[in-house]
Amino acid sequence: MRFMKKRRRSFSAEDPLLGVANLFDLALVMVIGFMLSLLSAFHLTDALNPKTEFTIVKKQGKRVEIVVKKGREIKVYKPAGGTAEGLEGVKIGTAYRLKDGRIIYVPE
């Protein structure tokens, strides 16, 4: 009668790495979920659409970069690194910012 008794087998007794594989799958799903939520939170889903065109101006301290996306092509414009110190010039006009955010350039 001993041989007719059902034996309970635990998965950890057969393969101890089976639980680690399940944790890895869970972590992978969570990372993909976090990445998608970050894309939607920062409205970066437009960068994935090939039909959209946009321009981003990034300013970090004195460093300025301009990122332009047209179709599938993305260009990053960086300053040449030169400074305008010691150069002479002539004032050619004035720029005004209106209350609604528009900027108007008035030549002299």
N, C-alpha and C. Protein backbone atom coordinates (compact mmCIF):
# COMPACT_ATOMS: atom_id res chain seq x y z
N MET A 1 0.81 -1.20 0.00
CA MET A 1 0.00 0.00 0.00
C MET A 1 0.85 1.27 0.00
N ARG A 2 2.06 1.12 0.41
CA ARG A 2 2.94 2.27 0.43
C ARG A 2 3.10 2.88 -0.95
N PHE A 3 3.23 2.05 -1.95
CA PHE A 3 3.49 2.55 -3.30
C PHE A 3 2.27 3.22 -3.92
N MET A 4 1.10 3.07 -3.35
CA MET A 4 -0.10 3.69 -3.88
C MET A 4 -0.36 5.08 -3.29
N LYS A 5 0.38 5.43 -2.27
CA LYS A 5 0.20 6.76 -1.69
C LYS A 5 0.75 7.82 -2.65
N LYS A 6 0.02 8.92 -2.73
CA LYS A 6 0.48 10.02 -3.58
C LYS A 6 1.58 10.79 -2.87
N ARG A 7 2.56 11.08 -3.61
CA ARG A 7 3.67 11.87 -3.05
C ARG A 7 3.52 13.32 -3.50
N ARG A 8 3.75 14.20 -2.60
CA ARG A 8 3.73 15.62 -2.95
C ARG A 8 5.15 16.04 -3.31
N ARG A 9 5.25 16.64 -4.46
CA ARG A 9 6.55 17.13 -4.89
C ARG A 9 6.50 18.64 -4.94
N SER A 10 7.50 19.24 -4.42
CA SER A 10 7.59 20.70 -4.51
C SER A 10 8.54 21.05 -5.65
N PHE A 11 8.27 22.17 -6.27
CA PHE A 11 9.12 22.58 -7.39
C PHE A 11 10.53 22.92 -6.92
N SER A 12 10.65 23.40 -5.72
CA SER A 12 11.97 23.76 -5.22
C SER A 12 12.84 22.53 -5.01
N ALA A 13 12.24 21.37 -4.79
CA ALA A 13 13.02 20.15 -4.63
C ALA A 13 13.57 19.68 -5.97
N GLU A 14 12.80 19.88 -7.05
CA GLU A 14 13.26 19.44 -8.36
C GLU A 14 14.26 20.42 -8.97
N ASP A 15 13.88 21.69 -9.04
CA ASP A 15 14.73 22.69 -9.69
C ASP A 15 14.75 23.95 -8.84
N PRO A 16 15.83 24.21 -8.13
CA PRO A 16 15.85 25.38 -7.26
C PRO A 16 15.91 26.71 -8.03
N LEU A 17 16.30 26.70 -9.30
CA LEU A 17 16.39 27.94 -10.07
C LEU A 17 15.08 28.33 -10.74
N LEU A 18 14.06 27.50 -10.62
CA LEU A 18 12.78 27.80 -11.24
C LEU A 18 12.16 29.07 -10.65
N GLY A 19 12.27 29.27 -9.36
CA GLY A 19 11.75 30.48 -8.73
C GLY A 19 12.51 31.72 -9.15
N VAL A 20 13.82 31.61 -9.36
CA VAL A 20 14.62 32.75 -9.81
C VAL A 20 14.23 33.16 -11.22
N ALA A 21 13.95 32.19 -12.08
CA ALA A 21 13.52 32.51 -13.45
C ALA A 21 12.20 33.26 -13.44
N ASN A 22 11.29 32.88 -12.56
CA ASN A 22 10.01 33.59 -12.47
C ASN A 22 10.22 35.01 -11.98
N LEU A 23 11.12 35.21 -11.04
CA LEU A 23 11.42 36.57 -10.56
C LEU A 23 12.05 37.41 -11.65
N PHE A 24 12.89 36.81 -12.47
CA PHE A 24 13.50 37.54 -13.58
C PHE A 24 12.43 38.00 -14.57
N ASP A 25 11.49 37.13 -14.89
CA ASP A 25 10.40 37.49 -15.80
C ASP A 25 9.56 38.63 -15.22
N LEU A 26 9.28 38.57 -13.95
CA LEU A 26 8.52 39.62 -13.29
C LEU A 26 9.27 40.95 -13.33
N ALA A 27 10.58 40.91 -13.08
CA ALA A 27 11.38 42.14 -13.11
C ALA A 27 11.42 42.73 -14.51
N LEU A 28 11.50 41.88 -15.52
CA LEU A 28 11.52 42.36 -16.89
C LEU A 28 10.22 43.06 -17.27
N VAL A 29 9.11 42.51 -16.86
CA VAL A 29 7.81 43.13 -17.13
C VAL A 29 7.70 44.47 -16.40
N MET A 30 8.19 44.54 -15.17
CA MET A 30 8.12 45.79 -14.41
C MET A 30 9.00 46.86 -15.04
N VAL A 31 10.18 46.52 -15.52
CA VAL A 31 11.07 47.50 -16.15
C VAL A 31 10.43 48.07 -17.42
N ILE A 32 9.83 47.22 -18.22
CA ILE A 32 9.16 47.69 -19.44
C ILE A 32 7.99 48.60 -19.08
N GLY A 33 7.25 48.27 -18.04
CA GLY A 33 6.15 49.11 -17.59
C GLY A 33 6.63 50.47 -17.12
N PHE A 34 7.74 50.51 -16.37
CA PHE A 34 8.29 51.78 -15.91
C PHE A 34 8.77 52.63 -17.09
N MET A 35 9.39 52.00 -18.07
CA MET A 35 9.88 52.75 -19.23
C MET A 35 8.72 53.37 -20.00
N LEU A 36 7.65 52.61 -20.19
CA LEU A 36 6.49 53.15 -20.90
C LEU A 36 5.82 54.27 -20.11
N SER A 37 5.76 54.15 -18.80
CA SER A 37 5.16 55.21 -18.00
C SER A 37 6.01 56.48 -18.02
N LEU A 38 7.35 56.34 -18.05
CA LEU A 38 8.21 57.52 -18.16
C LEU A 38 8.04 58.20 -19.51
N LEU A 39 7.95 57.42 -20.58
CA LEU A 39 7.73 58.01 -21.90
C LEU A 39 6.44 58.80 -21.95
N SER A 40 5.40 58.27 -21.38
CA SER A 40 4.12 58.99 -21.41
C SER A 40 4.09 60.15 -20.43
N ALA A 41 4.80 60.05 -19.31
CA ALA A 41 4.80 61.14 -18.33
C ALA A 41 5.54 62.36 -18.85
N PHE A 42 6.62 62.15 -19.60
CA PHE A 42 7.40 63.27 -20.13
C PHE A 42 7.00 63.62 -21.56
N HIS A 43 5.90 63.04 -22.04
CA HIS A 43 5.37 63.30 -23.38
C HIS A 43 6.43 63.06 -24.46
N LEU A 44 7.18 61.98 -24.32
CA LEU A 44 8.21 61.64 -25.29
C LEU A 44 7.70 60.64 -26.34
N THR A 45 6.43 60.36 -26.31
CA THR A 45 5.89 59.44 -27.31
C THR A 45 5.89 60.08 -28.70
N ASP A 46 5.93 61.42 -28.78
CA ASP A 46 6.01 62.09 -30.07
C ASP A 46 7.33 61.79 -30.76
N ALA A 47 8.38 61.53 -30.01
CA ALA A 47 9.68 61.24 -30.61
C ALA A 47 9.67 59.90 -31.34
N LEU A 48 8.76 59.02 -30.98
CA LEU A 48 8.67 57.72 -31.63
C LEU A 48 7.83 57.74 -32.90
N ASN A 49 7.01 58.77 -33.07
CA ASN A 49 6.13 58.88 -34.23
C ASN A 49 6.91 59.52 -35.38
N PRO A 50 7.05 58.85 -36.55
CA PRO A 50 7.84 59.42 -37.64
C PRO A 50 7.16 60.60 -38.34
N LYS A 51 5.89 60.84 -38.09
CA LYS A 51 5.19 61.94 -38.77
C LYS A 51 5.32 63.27 -38.05
N THR A 52 5.75 63.27 -36.79
CA THR A 52 5.81 64.52 -36.03
C THR A 52 7.14 65.21 -36.27
N GLU A 53 7.10 66.53 -36.19
CA GLU A 53 8.30 67.37 -36.28
C GLU A 53 8.30 68.29 -35.08
N PHE A 54 9.46 68.43 -34.44
CA PHE A 54 9.55 69.32 -33.30
C PHE A 54 10.98 69.82 -33.14
N THR A 55 11.11 70.88 -32.33
CA THR A 55 12.41 71.47 -32.00
C THR A 55 12.47 71.64 -30.50
N ILE A 56 13.58 71.22 -29.91
CA ILE A 56 13.79 71.34 -28.47
C ILE A 56 15.06 72.13 -28.24
N VAL A 57 14.99 73.12 -27.37
CA VAL A 57 16.17 73.90 -26.99
C VAL A 57 16.52 73.52 -25.55
N LYS A 58 17.69 72.94 -25.37
CA LYS A 58 18.14 72.52 -24.04
C LYS A 58 19.22 73.49 -23.57
N LYS A 59 19.07 73.98 -22.36
CA LYS A 59 20.06 74.89 -21.80
C LYS A 59 20.48 74.35 -20.45
N GLN A 60 21.76 74.05 -20.32
CA GLN A 60 22.33 73.57 -19.06
C GLN A 60 23.47 74.51 -18.70
N GLY A 61 23.17 75.44 -17.82
CA GLY A 61 24.18 76.43 -17.47
C GLY A 61 24.41 77.36 -18.65
N LYS A 62 25.65 77.42 -19.13
CA LYS A 62 25.97 78.25 -20.30
C LYS A 62 25.93 77.45 -21.59
N ARG A 63 25.77 76.15 -21.49
CA ARG A 63 25.77 75.27 -22.66
C ARG A 63 24.36 75.16 -23.23
N VAL A 64 24.22 75.36 -24.54
CA VAL A 64 22.92 75.32 -25.20
C VAL A 64 23.00 74.31 -26.34
N GLU A 65 21.98 73.47 -26.46
CA GLU A 65 21.87 72.52 -27.56
C GLU A 65 20.49 72.66 -28.18
N ILE A 66 20.41 72.50 -29.49
CA ILE A 66 19.14 72.55 -30.20
C ILE A 66 18.95 71.19 -30.87
N VAL A 67 17.82 70.52 -30.57
CA VAL A 67 17.50 69.23 -31.14
C VAL A 67 16.32 69.43 -32.08
N VAL A 68 16.50 69.06 -33.37
CA VAL A 68 15.47 69.24 -34.39
C VAL A 68 15.14 67.87 -34.97
N LYS A 69 13.83 67.53 -34.98
CA LYS A 69 13.39 66.26 -35.55
C LYS A 69 12.46 66.55 -36.71
N LYS A 70 12.82 66.04 -37.88
CA LYS A 70 11.98 66.16 -39.07
C LYS A 70 11.83 64.76 -39.64
N GLY A 71 10.64 64.21 -39.55
CA GLY A 71 10.40 62.84 -40.02
C GLY A 71 11.16 61.85 -39.16
N ARG A 72 12.01 61.04 -39.77
CA ARG A 72 12.82 60.08 -39.03
C ARG A 72 14.21 60.62 -38.71
N GLU A 73 14.53 61.79 -39.19
CA GLU A 73 15.87 62.36 -39.02
C GLU A 73 15.91 63.27 -37.79
N ILE A 74 16.89 63.05 -36.93
CA ILE A 74 17.08 63.87 -35.73
C ILE A 74 18.47 64.49 -35.80
N LYS A 75 18.53 65.81 -35.69
CA LYS A 75 19.82 66.52 -35.71
C LYS A 75 19.99 67.27 -34.39
N VAL A 76 21.22 67.27 -33.88
CA VAL A 76 21.55 67.99 -32.66
C VAL A 76 22.58 69.05 -33.03
N TYR A 77 22.23 70.29 -32.77
CA TYR A 77 23.14 71.40 -33.05
C TYR A 77 23.77 71.86 -31.74
N LYS A 78 25.11 71.89 -31.72
CA LYS A 78 25.85 72.32 -30.53
C LYS A 78 26.68 73.55 -30.91
N PRO A 79 26.94 74.43 -29.95
CA PRO A 79 27.77 75.59 -30.26
C PRO A 79 29.20 75.15 -30.59
N ALA A 80 29.89 76.00 -31.36
CA ALA A 80 31.25 75.66 -31.79
C ALA A 80 32.24 75.74 -30.63
N GLY A 81 31.90 76.38 -29.56
CA GLY A 81 32.78 76.46 -28.41
C GLY A 81 33.53 77.78 -28.31
N GLY A 82 33.45 78.60 -29.34
CA GLY A 82 34.11 79.90 -29.30
C GLY A 82 33.33 80.90 -28.47
N THR A 83 34.00 81.90 -28.00
CA THR A 83 33.32 82.94 -27.22
C THR A 83 33.37 84.25 -27.98
N ALA A 84 32.49 85.15 -27.64
CA ALA A 84 32.41 86.45 -28.30
C ALA A 84 33.08 87.53 -27.47
N GLU A 85 33.87 87.14 -26.50
CA GLU A 85 34.52 88.13 -25.66
C GLU A 85 35.61 88.84 -26.46
N GLY A 86 35.68 90.12 -26.32
CA GLY A 86 36.71 90.90 -26.98
C GLY A 86 36.35 91.28 -28.41
N LEU A 87 35.23 90.85 -28.91
CA LEU A 87 34.82 91.20 -30.26
C LEU A 87 33.97 92.45 -30.23
N GLU A 88 34.07 93.24 -31.28
CA GLU A 88 33.29 94.47 -31.37
C GLU A 88 32.14 94.24 -32.34
N GLY A 89 31.04 94.90 -32.09
CA GLY A 89 29.89 94.76 -32.96
C GLY A 89 29.00 95.98 -32.90
N VAL A 90 27.93 95.94 -33.67
CA VAL A 90 26.98 97.02 -33.76
C VAL A 90 25.61 96.46 -33.42
N LYS A 91 24.86 97.20 -32.62
CA LYS A 91 23.51 96.78 -32.26
C LYS A 91 22.63 96.91 -33.50
N ILE A 92 21.93 95.82 -33.84
CA ILE A 92 21.13 95.84 -35.06
C ILE A 92 19.63 95.87 -34.78
N GLY A 93 19.23 95.72 -33.53
CA GLY A 93 17.81 95.76 -33.22
C GLY A 93 17.54 95.33 -31.80
N THR A 94 16.25 95.23 -31.47
CA THR A 94 15.83 94.87 -30.13
C THR A 94 14.74 93.81 -30.22
N ALA A 95 14.75 92.88 -29.29
CA ALA A 95 13.72 91.85 -29.23
C ALA A 95 12.87 92.08 -27.98
N TYR A 96 11.55 91.98 -28.14
CA TYR A 96 10.62 92.18 -27.04
C TYR A 96 9.78 90.91 -26.87
N ARG A 97 9.56 90.52 -25.61
CA ARG A 97 8.67 89.40 -25.31
C ARG A 97 7.33 89.97 -24.87
N LEU A 98 6.27 89.56 -25.56
CA LEU A 98 4.93 90.03 -25.23
C LEU A 98 4.35 89.21 -24.07
N LYS A 99 3.22 89.67 -23.53
CA LYS A 99 2.60 88.99 -22.39
C LYS A 99 2.13 87.58 -22.74
N ASP A 100 1.76 87.36 -24.00
CA ASP A 100 1.29 86.02 -24.39
C ASP A 100 2.43 85.08 -24.75
N GLY A 101 3.69 85.52 -24.64
CA GLY A 101 4.83 84.64 -24.87
C GLY A 101 5.49 84.83 -26.22
N ARG A 102 4.88 85.57 -27.13
CA ARG A 102 5.50 85.79 -28.44
C ARG A 102 6.68 86.75 -28.30
N ILE A 103 7.63 86.59 -29.22
CA ILE A 103 8.80 87.47 -29.25
C ILE A 103 8.78 88.24 -30.55
N ILE A 104 8.95 89.56 -30.46
CA ILE A 104 8.95 90.43 -31.62
C ILE A 104 10.33 91.07 -31.75
N TYR A 105 10.90 91.01 -32.95
CA TYR A 105 12.18 91.63 -33.23
C TYR A 105 11.95 92.94 -33.97
N VAL A 106 12.51 94.02 -33.46
CA VAL A 106 12.36 95.34 -34.07
C VAL A 106 13.75 95.81 -34.52
N PRO A 107 13.99 95.84 -35.85
CA PRO A 107 15.30 96.33 -36.33
C PRO A 107 15.42 97.82 -36.11
N GLU A 108 16.67 98.28 -35.99
CA GLU A 108 16.89 99.72 -35.77
C GLU A 108 17.00 100.45 -37.09
